[in-house]
Amino acid sequence: MTSTPEIIHVPVLAEEVLRALEPKDGAVYVDGTFGNGGYSRAVLDAADCTVYAIDRDPDAIARGQVMAAEAGGRLILIEGRFSEIDRLVAAHGVAQVSGIALDIGISSFQIDDPARGFSFAADGPLDMRMERSGATAADIVNSLSETELAELIYRFGEERQSRRIAAAIVSARAVEAITRTGQLADIIIRAIGRRPDKKTHVATKTFQALRIYVNDELGELRLGLEAAERLLATDGTLCVVSFHSLEDKLVKSFLAERSGSLPTPSRHRPPQRRSTPPPTFFLPKRGAVKPGRDEIAANPRSRSARLRVAVRTDAAPWPETRAGASA
């Protein structure tokens, strides 16, 4: 049996995440989105600590086995969703941790492997499932109504041409089932044109929308933030790196809510009685940290990355929500 080759990966905003986490000897950290192992490696190299690394993609867990063996017991790999990080880590006897890193979205391995169906760069099956189980993107485009498809593409892809794209999909699938990434990309191109003046491919937003829907990414993110709130010890640090506005808005809103930083009502409106629990986080920096020019030049995919950092207070976690944000 051959082992899975290890590939060294430099994660986005790695220095900034490491600076925020400040790994310490003897402490425990969670890499909630192991992916290619970049954050886990950086934390392990920075201190004599332990990292619990979680990923819902079995391929990511398989890739990490070499790294785990080299870490000598300091890296524990767990297959599962980061929306359940507190439960997954508790199963290993850990009640609280000093820091959590979340890198939201898909990894370069997932994007670059045509067999996973996340990208139209090379033709492959229209899959997009991170866990390799459940409904595929092909199932979605071939089963939802035109109205449902248009709403999905608009909501999760922020695509203004969603109705035209949905109509083209429904028309095309009446002739033959849509099962390939290249097939879907061609349908979108025929529907709205190539837009040569745009930097991104015309199918990008639709593919993003399908990926988010198939994996319930926004629902997972909301639940993951709540799980992090429950798992972090007092003064523990949460670092969240996101790559598009839907994710970043959700993270920003959650942290504003949990830090007591929501905008105050207009003085012209009548006072409203609103009772909220004490803040569970404080924000050491307002706004998001963005990659610098050198990082963007070295890794163009990092250009849209945003890092938000929050530090846990000693307040009790807010009541748990089990309804996903994508519901």
Protein backbone atom coordinates (compact mmCIF):
# COMPACT_ATOMS: atom_id res chain seq x y z
CA MET A 1 0.00 0.00 0.00
CA THR A 2 1.47 3.34 -1.00
CA SER A 3 1.21 6.33 1.31
CA THR A 4 -0.40 9.58 0.25
CA PRO A 5 2.34 12.04 -0.74
CA GLU A 6 2.71 15.07 1.48
CA ILE A 7 2.59 18.45 -0.25
CA ILE A 8 3.84 21.53 1.58
CA HIS A 9 1.16 24.21 1.49
CA VAL A 10 1.42 27.87 2.49
CA PRO A 11 -2.01 29.02 3.67
CA VAL A 12 -3.46 32.46 3.04
CA LEU A 13 -2.62 35.14 5.64
CA ALA A 14 -0.55 32.59 7.56
CA GLU A 15 1.65 35.14 9.34
CA GLU A 16 -1.36 37.18 10.42
CA VAL A 17 -3.22 34.12 11.72
CA LEU A 18 -0.14 32.94 13.63
CA ARG A 19 0.38 36.40 15.12
CA ALA A 20 -3.21 36.43 16.35
CA LEU A 21 -3.14 32.90 17.79
CA GLU A 22 0.26 33.32 19.52
CA PRO A 23 0.79 29.54 19.96
CA LYS A 24 2.15 28.59 23.37
CA ASP A 25 3.87 25.45 24.66
CA GLY A 26 1.46 22.99 26.23
CA ALA A 27 -1.65 24.66 24.78
CA VAL A 28 -4.29 23.04 22.58
CA TYR A 29 -5.50 24.49 19.27
CA VAL A 30 -8.03 23.52 16.61
CA ASP A 31 -7.60 23.79 12.86
CA GLY A 32 -11.26 23.50 11.97
CA THR A 33 -10.64 23.31 8.22
CA PHE A 34 -7.48 21.22 7.84
CA GLY A 35 -7.49 21.21 4.03
CA ASN A 36 -3.84 21.06 3.01
CA GLY A 37 -2.54 21.37 6.57
CA GLY A 38 -0.98 24.81 6.28
CA TYR A 39 -2.31 26.37 9.48
CA SER A 40 -1.77 23.16 11.47
CA ARG A 41 1.86 23.01 10.40
CA ALA A 42 2.43 26.68 11.20
CA VAL A 43 1.00 26.32 14.72
CA LEU A 44 2.93 23.11 15.42
CA ASP A 45 6.17 24.73 14.24
CA ALA A 46 5.58 27.78 16.43
CA ALA A 47 5.22 25.99 19.78
CA ASP A 48 5.32 22.62 21.52
CA CYS A 49 1.54 22.38 21.45
CA THR A 50 -1.23 20.05 20.27
CA VAL A 51 -3.48 20.63 17.27
CA TYR A 52 -6.79 18.91 16.58
CA ALA A 53 -7.32 19.15 12.83
CA ILE A 54 -10.80 18.66 11.41
CA ASP A 55 -12.01 18.28 7.83
CA ARG A 56 -15.21 16.92 6.30
CA ASP A 57 -13.30 15.83 3.18
CA PRO A 58 -11.89 12.29 3.58
CA ASP A 59 -9.21 13.08 1.00
CA ALA A 60 -7.84 15.85 3.23
CA ILE A 61 -7.65 13.49 6.20
CA ALA A 62 -5.84 10.92 4.06
CA ARG A 63 -3.32 13.54 2.87
CA GLY A 64 -2.61 14.55 6.45
CA GLN A 65 -1.52 11.12 7.67
CA VAL A 66 2.17 11.68 6.85
CA MET A 67 2.14 15.01 8.63
CA ALA A 68 0.41 13.49 11.66
CA ALA A 69 3.02 10.75 11.87
CA GLU A 70 5.82 13.30 11.74
CA ALA A 71 4.17 15.35 14.51
CA GLY A 72 4.63 12.55 17.00
CA GLY A 73 1.16 12.68 18.53
CA ARG A 74 0.83 16.46 18.53
CA LEU A 75 -1.48 16.45 15.49
CA ILE A 76 -4.77 14.59 15.80
CA LEU A 77 -6.78 14.30 12.59
CA ILE A 78 -10.58 14.09 12.82
CA GLU A 79 -12.95 13.56 9.92
CA GLY A 80 -16.04 15.67 10.47
CA ARG A 81 -17.68 19.06 10.06
CA PHE A 82 -16.32 22.14 11.78
CA SER A 83 -19.88 22.99 12.76
CA GLU A 84 -19.41 20.27 15.39
CA ILE A 85 -15.86 21.07 16.50
CA ASP A 86 -16.80 21.23 20.18
CA ARG A 87 -18.39 17.76 20.08
CA LEU A 88 -15.63 16.26 17.94
CA VAL A 89 -12.86 17.53 20.22
CA ALA A 90 -14.82 16.65 23.37
CA ALA A 91 -14.84 13.03 22.18
CA HIS A 92 -11.04 13.16 22.66
CA GLY A 93 -11.39 14.43 26.22
CA VAL A 94 -10.80 18.12 25.49
CA ALA A 95 -13.30 20.61 26.90
CA GLN A 96 -11.64 23.93 25.98
CA VAL A 97 -8.89 25.15 23.66
CA SER A 98 -6.66 28.21 23.38
CA GLY A 99 -7.28 29.01 19.74
CA ILE A 100 -9.26 28.07 16.64
CA ALA A 101 -8.47 28.75 12.98
CA LEU A 102 -11.12 28.47 10.26
CA ASP A 103 -10.31 28.83 6.56
CA ILE A 104 -13.71 28.95 4.89
CA GLY A 105 -14.34 27.65 1.38
CA ILE A 106 -12.58 25.08 -0.75
CA SER A 107 -8.93 24.06 -0.88
CA SER A 108 -6.63 24.25 -3.87
CA PHE A 109 -6.62 20.43 -4.00
CA GLN A 110 -10.40 20.42 -4.43
CA ILE A 111 -10.31 23.14 -7.07
CA ASP A 112 -7.48 21.58 -9.05
CA ASP A 113 -8.84 18.02 -9.14
CA PRO A 114 -11.29 17.74 -12.09
CA ALA A 115 -12.76 14.56 -10.59
CA ARG A 116 -14.17 16.57 -7.67
CA GLY A 117 -16.24 18.75 -9.99
CA PHE A 118 -15.67 22.06 -8.20
CA SER A 119 -14.20 23.90 -11.18
CA PHE A 120 -14.84 24.35 -14.89
CA ALA A 121 -11.13 24.87 -15.60
CA ALA A 122 -10.96 21.22 -16.66
CA ASP A 123 -13.96 19.06 -17.50
CA GLY A 124 -15.12 16.64 -14.84
CA PRO A 125 -18.23 15.20 -13.21
CA LEU A 126 -20.56 17.88 -11.82
CA ASP A 127 -20.12 16.78 -8.21
CA MET A 128 -18.92 19.47 -5.72
CA ARG A 129 -19.53 17.36 -2.59
CA MET A 130 -16.90 17.90 0.09
CA GLU A 131 -17.87 14.73 1.94
CA ARG A 132 -18.48 12.61 -1.17
CA SER A 133 -21.99 11.83 0.10
CA GLY A 134 -25.43 13.29 -0.46
CA ALA A 135 -26.84 15.14 -3.48
CA THR A 136 -24.38 16.29 -6.13
CA ALA A 137 -24.44 19.56 -8.04
CA ALA A 138 -25.71 17.55 -11.02
CA ASP A 139 -28.65 16.33 -8.93
CA ILE A 140 -29.48 19.95 -8.09
CA VAL A 141 -29.33 21.41 -11.61
CA ASN A 142 -31.37 18.54 -13.00
CA SER A 143 -34.11 18.54 -10.36
CA LEU A 144 -34.86 22.06 -9.09
CA SER A 145 -37.47 24.17 -10.83
CA GLU A 146 -36.44 27.16 -12.91
CA THR A 147 -37.59 29.52 -10.15
CA GLU A 148 -35.69 27.60 -7.48
CA LEU A 149 -32.53 27.55 -9.58
CA ALA A 150 -32.74 31.28 -10.26
CA GLU A 151 -33.17 32.02 -6.56
CA LEU A 152 -30.27 29.72 -5.61
CA ILE A 153 -27.90 31.27 -8.16
CA TYR A 154 -28.88 34.80 -7.16
CA ARG A 155 -28.74 34.21 -3.40
CA PHE A 156 -25.52 32.20 -3.13
CA GLY A 157 -23.74 33.45 -6.26
CA GLU A 158 -24.95 37.06 -6.25
CA GLU A 159 -25.42 36.60 -9.99
CA ARG A 160 -27.60 39.29 -11.60
CA GLN A 161 -28.23 37.11 -14.64
CA SER A 162 -29.59 34.27 -12.51
CA ARG A 163 -32.97 34.09 -14.25
CA ARG A 164 -31.43 33.87 -17.70
CA ILE A 165 -28.98 31.20 -16.53
CA ALA A 166 -31.73 29.18 -14.82
CA ALA A 167 -33.88 29.30 -17.95
CA ALA A 168 -30.93 28.09 -20.06
CA ILE A 169 -30.25 25.22 -17.64
CA VAL A 170 -33.86 24.06 -17.70
CA SER A 171 -33.95 24.27 -21.51
CA ALA A 172 -30.69 22.32 -21.87
CA ARG A 173 -31.62 19.57 -19.41
CA ALA A 174 -34.83 18.93 -21.35
CA VAL A 175 -32.58 17.67 -24.17
CA GLU A 176 -30.08 15.76 -22.02
CA ALA A 177 -29.10 15.59 -18.38
CA ILE A 178 -26.38 18.01 -17.24
CA THR A 179 -23.65 15.88 -15.69
CA ARG A 180 -20.30 17.56 -16.51
CA THR A 181 -18.67 20.81 -15.37
CA GLY A 182 -17.72 21.78 -18.92
CA GLN A 183 -21.27 21.12 -20.07
CA LEU A 184 -22.72 23.48 -17.46
CA ALA A 185 -20.09 26.15 -18.15
CA ASP A 186 -20.93 26.05 -21.87
CA ILE A 187 -24.64 26.46 -21.09
CA ILE A 188 -23.88 29.56 -19.01
CA ILE A 189 -21.63 31.04 -21.71
CA ARG A 190 -24.35 30.57 -24.34
CA ALA A 191 -26.90 32.16 -21.99
CA ILE A 192 -25.06 35.36 -21.07
CA GLY A 193 -21.97 35.61 -23.27
CA ARG A 194 -18.29 35.55 -22.43
CA ARG A 195 -17.83 39.13 -21.10
CA PRO A 196 -14.24 39.56 -22.35
CA ASP A 197 -13.84 42.71 -20.26
CA LYS A 198 -14.34 40.82 -16.99
CA LYS A 199 -11.49 39.25 -15.00
CA THR A 200 -13.57 36.28 -13.83
CA HIS A 201 -15.25 33.63 -15.95
CA VAL A 202 -18.99 34.09 -16.45
CA ALA A 203 -19.69 30.71 -14.83
CA THR A 204 -17.82 31.52 -11.61
CA LYS A 205 -20.77 32.84 -9.63
CA THR A 206 -23.09 30.00 -10.64
CA PHE A 207 -20.50 27.39 -9.68
CA GLN A 208 -19.97 29.17 -6.36
CA ALA A 209 -23.71 29.17 -5.71
CA LEU A 210 -24.05 25.45 -6.41
CA ARG A 211 -21.04 24.59 -4.23
CA ILE A 212 -22.39 26.61 -1.30
CA TYR A 213 -25.83 25.04 -1.67
CA VAL A 214 -24.59 21.45 -2.06
CA ASN A 215 -22.42 21.69 1.07
CA ASP A 216 -24.68 24.06 3.08
CA GLU A 217 -21.58 26.19 3.60
CA LEU A 218 -23.28 29.21 5.14
CA GLY A 219 -25.28 27.05 7.52
CA GLU A 220 -22.09 25.22 8.50
CA LEU A 221 -20.29 28.52 9.02
CA ARG A 222 -22.92 29.93 11.38
CA LEU A 223 -23.01 26.73 13.42
CA GLY A 224 -19.21 26.55 13.37
CA LEU A 225 -18.91 30.04 14.85
CA GLU A 226 -21.30 29.06 17.64
CA ALA A 227 -19.34 25.85 18.25
CA ALA A 228 -16.13 27.89 18.46
CA GLU A 229 -17.78 30.14 21.03
CA ARG A 230 -18.55 27.08 23.18
CA LEU A 231 -15.11 25.51 22.78
CA LEU A 232 -12.78 28.48 23.32
CA ALA A 233 -11.38 29.10 26.78
CA THR A 234 -11.36 32.61 28.25
CA ASP A 235 -8.82 34.72 26.29
CA GLY A 236 -8.82 32.09 23.54
CA THR A 237 -8.55 33.43 19.99
CA LEU A 238 -10.77 32.80 16.99
CA CYS A 239 -9.35 33.44 13.50
CA VAL A 240 -11.66 33.20 10.49
CA VAL A 241 -10.40 33.58 6.91
CA SER A 242 -13.14 33.94 4.29
CA PHE A 243 -13.01 34.44 0.54
CA HIS A 244 -16.27 35.98 -0.60
CA SER A 245 -18.71 38.57 0.64
CA LEU A 246 -21.43 36.16 1.78
CA GLU A 247 -19.04 34.43 4.18
CA ASP A 248 -17.41 37.62 5.39
CA LYS A 249 -20.75 39.34 6.02
CA LEU A 250 -21.90 36.38 8.11
CA VAL A 251 -18.68 36.36 10.16
CA LYS A 252 -18.74 40.13 10.59
CA SER A 253 -22.38 40.08 11.71
CA PHE A 254 -21.83 37.21 14.15
CA LEU A 255 -18.82 38.84 15.79
CA ALA A 256 -20.56 42.22 15.97
CA GLU A 257 -23.51 40.57 17.68
CA ARG A 258 -21.42 38.52 20.09
CA SER A 259 -19.12 41.44 20.98
CA GLY A 260 -21.96 43.88 21.60
CA SER A 261 -20.87 45.97 18.62
CA LEU A 262 -24.11 46.04 16.64
CA PRO A 263 -25.10 49.48 15.34
CA THR A 264 -27.24 51.47 17.76
CA PRO A 265 -30.81 52.29 16.68
CA SER A 266 -31.58 55.73 15.28
CA ARG A 267 -32.34 58.34 17.96
CA HIS A 268 -35.46 59.17 15.97
CA ARG A 269 -36.91 55.70 16.46
CA PRO A 270 -38.82 54.83 19.63
CA PRO A 271 -36.74 52.90 22.18
CA GLN A 272 -36.90 49.13 21.86
CA ARG A 273 -36.43 46.73 24.72
CA ARG A 274 -33.89 44.12 23.74
CA SER A 275 -32.26 41.81 26.21
CA THR A 276 -29.13 40.04 25.03
CA PRO A 277 -26.61 37.92 26.96
CA PRO A 278 -23.23 39.44 27.91
CA PRO A 279 -20.65 39.66 25.08
CA THR A 280 -18.74 36.43 24.50
CA PHE A 281 -16.05 38.03 22.34
CA PHE A 282 -14.13 41.25 22.11
CA LEU A 283 -12.52 42.44 18.89
CA PRO A 284 -8.85 43.43 19.14
CA LYS A 285 -9.04 44.99 15.69
CA ARG A 286 -11.95 46.61 13.91
CA GLY A 287 -12.42 45.50 10.36
CA ALA A 288 -10.77 42.71 8.42
CA VAL A 289 -7.11 42.00 7.72
CA LYS A 290 -6.34 41.71 3.99
CA PRO A 291 -3.38 40.13 2.19
CA GLY A 292 -0.56 42.39 1.05
CA ARG A 293 0.66 42.91 -2.48
CA ASP A 294 3.47 40.38 -2.15
CA GLU A 295 1.12 37.62 -1.03
CA ILE A 296 -1.37 38.38 -3.79
CA ALA A 297 1.43 38.33 -6.36
CA ALA A 298 2.65 34.95 -5.05
CA ASN A 299 -0.87 33.52 -4.73
CA PRO A 300 -3.54 35.28 -6.85
CA ARG A 301 -6.28 33.22 -5.16
CA SER A 302 -5.59 35.12 -1.94
CA ARG A 303 -6.72 38.47 -3.36
CA SER A 304 -10.25 38.18 -1.96
CA ALA A 305 -9.23 36.76 1.44
CA ARG A 306 -10.37 38.51 4.64
CA LEU A 307 -9.26 37.63 8.17
CA ARG A 308 -11.35 38.52 11.21
CA VAL A 309 -10.05 37.95 14.73
CA ALA A 310 -11.95 37.76 18.01
CA VAL A 311 -10.91 36.94 21.58
CA ARG A 312 -13.16 35.02 23.95
CA THR A 313 -14.45 36.67 27.12
CA ASP A 314 -15.41 34.78 30.27
CA ALA A 315 -19.16 35.11 29.55
CA ALA A 316 -21.26 31.98 29.09
CA PRO A 317 -22.00 30.91 25.49
CA TRP A 318 -25.24 32.18 24.00
CA PRO A 319 -28.07 29.68 23.44
CA GLU A 320 -27.29 27.20 20.69
CA THR A 321 -28.88 27.50 17.25
CA ARG A 322 -29.37 24.34 15.22
CA ALA A 323 -30.93 25.93 12.15
CA GLY A 324 -28.38 26.47 9.37
CA ALA A 325 -27.91 29.89 7.82
CA SER A 326 -28.50 28.37 4.37
CA ALA A 327 -31.85 26.92 5.36
